[in-house]
Amino acid sequence: NELDIFKLCFPVNFLRDVIIPQTNENLESTKTQQLTMSEFFVFLGCIFFMACFEGVSNRRDWWSSSPIDKFKGAPFRLNEYITLRRFEDIMQALHLTNIPHP
């Protein structure tokens, strides 16, 4: 099933033991709220969802307060799932390894 395929690409123990703690270290340095596993899945879901649509050149359009227009901007709004500020905080802090830089 789809969840099993997802877990092959994103093993839960790797997320829990590496990505979440490493990302939280970066969030901590900016005094931002810690990332939880469920919030990470919402964040990741938004990325996957946005990737399904062509022609949205500005990521901020997904959080626009303008009415949805089929010729301009994003076809949906993500405000009810995650704020733009939080999405950008996580995107900037995201760290995929616990191996130190050389």
C-alpha atoms as a PDB file:
ATOM      1  CA  ASN A   1       0.000   0.000   0.000  1.00  0.00           C
ATOM      2  CA  GLU A   2       1.004   3.648  -0.320  1.00  0.00           C
ATOM      3  CA  LEU A   3       1.989   4.035   3.344  1.00  0.00           C
ATOM      4  CA  ASP A   4       4.446   1.136   3.086  1.00  0.00           C
ATOM      5  CA  ILE A   5       6.061   2.723   0.032  1.00  0.00           C
ATOM      6  CA  PHE A   6       6.247   6.049   1.872  1.00  0.00           C
ATOM      7  CA  LYS A   7       7.931   4.352   4.853  1.00  0.00           C
ATOM      8  CA  LEU A   8      10.544   2.859   2.527  1.00  0.00           C
ATOM      9  CA  CYS A   9      11.527   6.369   1.470  1.00  0.00           C
ATOM     10  CA  PHE A  10      11.070   7.965   4.905  1.00  0.00           C
ATOM     11  CA  PRO A  11      11.685   5.369   7.646  1.00  0.00           C
ATOM     12  CA  VAL A  12       9.983   6.551  10.839  1.00  0.00           C
ATOM     13  CA  ASN A  13      12.990   5.702  13.021  1.00  0.00           C
ATOM     14  CA  PHE A  14      15.250   7.826  10.753  1.00  0.00           C
ATOM     15  CA  LEU A  15      12.806  10.718  10.980  1.00  0.00           C
ATOM     16  CA  ARG A  16      12.510  10.334  14.767  1.00  0.00           C
ATOM     17  CA  ASP A  17      16.230   9.771  15.459  1.00  0.00           C
ATOM     18  CA  VAL A  18      17.908  12.007  12.891  1.00  0.00           C
ATOM     19  CA  ILE A  19      15.811  14.490  10.907  1.00  0.00           C
ATOM     20  CA  ILE A  20      13.555  15.759  13.722  1.00  0.00           C
ATOM     21  CA  PRO A  21      16.360  16.204  16.329  1.00  0.00           C
ATOM     22  CA  GLN A  22      18.760  17.788  13.842  1.00  0.00           C
ATOM     23  CA  THR A  23      16.088  20.139  12.552  1.00  0.00           C
ATOM     24  CA  ASN A  24      15.131  20.996  16.133  1.00  0.00           C
ATOM     25  CA  GLU A  25      18.744  21.934  16.882  1.00  0.00           C
ATOM     26  CA  ASN A  26      18.560  24.477  14.074  1.00  0.00           C
ATOM     27  CA  LEU A  27      15.133  25.694  15.226  1.00  0.00           C
ATOM     28  CA  GLU A  28      16.432  26.027  18.785  1.00  0.00           C
ATOM     29  CA  SER A  29      19.190  28.354  17.624  1.00  0.00           C
ATOM     30  CA  THR A  30      16.515  30.681  16.241  1.00  0.00           C
ATOM     31  CA  LYS A  31      14.367  30.370  19.389  1.00  0.00           C
ATOM     32  CA  THR A  32      11.573  28.800  17.340  1.00  0.00           C
ATOM     33  CA  GLN A  33       9.095  26.170  18.547  1.00  0.00           C
ATOM     34  CA  GLN A  34      10.357  22.594  18.328  1.00  0.00           C
ATOM     35  CA  LEU A  35       9.173  20.395  15.457  1.00  0.00           C
ATOM     36  CA  THR A  36       7.050  17.340  16.242  1.00  0.00           C
ATOM     37  CA  MET A  37       6.697  14.237  14.108  1.00  0.00           C
ATOM     38  CA  SER A  38       3.075  15.049  13.273  1.00  0.00           C
ATOM     39  CA  GLU A  39       3.972  18.622  12.287  1.00  0.00           C
ATOM     40  CA  PHE A  40       6.793  17.274  10.125  1.00  0.00           C
ATOM     41  CA  PHE A  41       4.289  15.050   8.302  1.00  0.00           C
ATOM     42  CA  VAL A  42       2.048  18.086   7.699  1.00  0.00           C
ATOM     43  CA  PHE A  43       5.072  20.021   6.389  1.00  0.00           C
ATOM     44  CA  LEU A  44       6.088  17.137   4.141  1.00  0.00           C
ATOM     45  CA  GLY A  45       2.506  16.691   2.952  1.00  0.00           C
ATOM     46  CA  CYS A  46       2.394  20.355   1.932  1.00  0.00           C
ATOM     47  CA  ILE A  47       5.604  19.945  -0.059  1.00  0.00           C
ATOM     48  CA  PHE A  48       4.241  16.864  -1.825  1.00  0.00           C
ATOM     49  CA  PHE A  49       0.922  18.601  -2.465  1.00  0.00           C
ATOM     50  CA  MET A  50       2.594  21.711  -3.920  1.00  0.00           C
ATOM     51  CA  ALA A  51       4.720  19.490  -6.161  1.00  0.00           C
ATOM     52  CA  CYS A  52       1.556  18.174  -7.830  1.00  0.00           C
ATOM     53  CA  PHE A  53       0.814  21.539  -9.460  1.00  0.00           C
ATOM     54  CA  GLU A  54       2.711  23.269 -12.250  1.00  0.00           C
ATOM     55  CA  GLY A  55       2.815  26.986 -12.833  1.00  0.00           C
ATOM     56  CA  VAL A  56       2.935  28.315  -9.262  1.00  0.00           C
ATOM     57  CA  SER A  57       6.153  30.295  -9.495  1.00  0.00           C
ATOM     58  CA  ASN A  58       5.954  31.915  -6.068  1.00  0.00           C
ATOM     59  CA  ARG A  59       5.663  29.564  -3.100  1.00  0.00           C
ATOM     60  CA  ARG A  60       4.029  32.339  -1.062  1.00  0.00           C
ATOM     61  CA  ASP A  61       0.962  32.096  -3.325  1.00  0.00           C
ATOM     62  CA  TRP A  62      -0.023  28.940  -1.420  1.00  0.00           C
ATOM     63  CA  TRP A  63      -0.614  31.165   1.634  1.00  0.00           C
ATOM     64  CA  SER A  64      -2.061  34.174  -0.170  1.00  0.00           C
ATOM     65  CA  SER A  65      -5.079  35.952   1.294  1.00  0.00           C
ATOM     66  CA  SER A  66      -6.280  36.793  -2.220  1.00  0.00           C
ATOM     67  CA  PRO A  67      -9.264  34.863  -3.568  1.00  0.00           C
ATOM     68  CA  ILE A  68      -8.350  31.793  -5.570  1.00  0.00           C
ATOM     69  CA  ASP A  69      -8.130  32.575  -9.275  1.00  0.00           C
ATOM     70  CA  LYS A  70      -7.811  29.777 -11.819  1.00  0.00           C
ATOM     71  CA  PHE A  71      -5.500  31.887 -13.971  1.00  0.00           C
ATOM     72  CA  LYS A  72      -3.176  33.338 -11.329  1.00  0.00           C
ATOM     73  CA  GLY A  73      -1.514  32.116  -8.141  1.00  0.00           C
ATOM     74  CA  ALA A  74      -1.952  28.784  -6.378  1.00  0.00           C
ATOM     75  CA  PRO A  75      -5.094  26.674  -6.855  1.00  0.00           C
ATOM     76  CA  PHE A  76      -5.462  26.047  -3.102  1.00  0.00           C
ATOM     77  CA  ARG A  77      -4.452  27.667   0.201  1.00  0.00           C
ATOM     78  CA  LEU A  78      -2.452  25.905   2.902  1.00  0.00           C
ATOM     79  CA  ASN A  79      -3.125  28.369   5.743  1.00  0.00           C
ATOM     80  CA  GLU A  80      -5.365  25.970   7.643  1.00  0.00           C
ATOM     81  CA  TYR A  81      -2.602  23.342   7.800  1.00  0.00           C
ATOM     82  CA  ILE A  82       0.542  25.357   8.510  1.00  0.00           C
ATOM     83  CA  THR A  83       1.375  29.061   8.487  1.00  0.00           C
ATOM     84  CA  LEU A  84       3.757  30.431   5.884  1.00  0.00           C
ATOM     85  CA  ARG A  85       6.089  31.610   8.651  1.00  0.00           C
ATOM     86  CA  ARG A  86       6.221  28.137  10.229  1.00  0.00           C
ATOM     87  CA  PHE A  87       6.677  26.459   6.837  1.00  0.00           C
ATOM     88  CA  GLU A  88       9.615  28.758   6.068  1.00  0.00           C
ATOM     89  CA  ASP A  89      11.113  28.245   9.541  1.00  0.00           C
ATOM     90  CA  ILE A  90      11.065  24.481   9.086  1.00  0.00           C
ATOM     91  CA  MET A  91      12.339  24.705   5.505  1.00  0.00           C
ATOM     92  CA  GLN A  92      15.265  26.831   6.620  1.00  0.00           C
ATOM     93  CA  ALA A  93      16.076  24.635   9.638  1.00  0.00           C
ATOM     94  CA  LEU A  94      15.603  21.277   7.897  1.00  0.00           C
ATOM     95  CA  HIS A  95      18.656  19.074   8.382  1.00  0.00           C
ATOM     96  CA  LEU A  96      18.769  15.590   6.875  1.00  0.00           C
ATOM     97  CA  THR A  97      21.835  14.102   8.571  1.00  0.00           C
ATOM     98  CA  ASN A  98      23.523  13.932  11.944  1.00  0.00           C
ATOM     99  CA  ILE A  99      26.973  13.656  10.370  1.00  0.00           C
ATOM    100  CA  PRO A 100      29.047  16.748  11.219  1.00  0.00           C
ATOM    101  CA  HIS A 101      30.411  18.954   8.451  1.00  0.00           C
ATOM    102  CA  PRO A 102      34.037  18.199   7.530  1.00  0.00           C
END
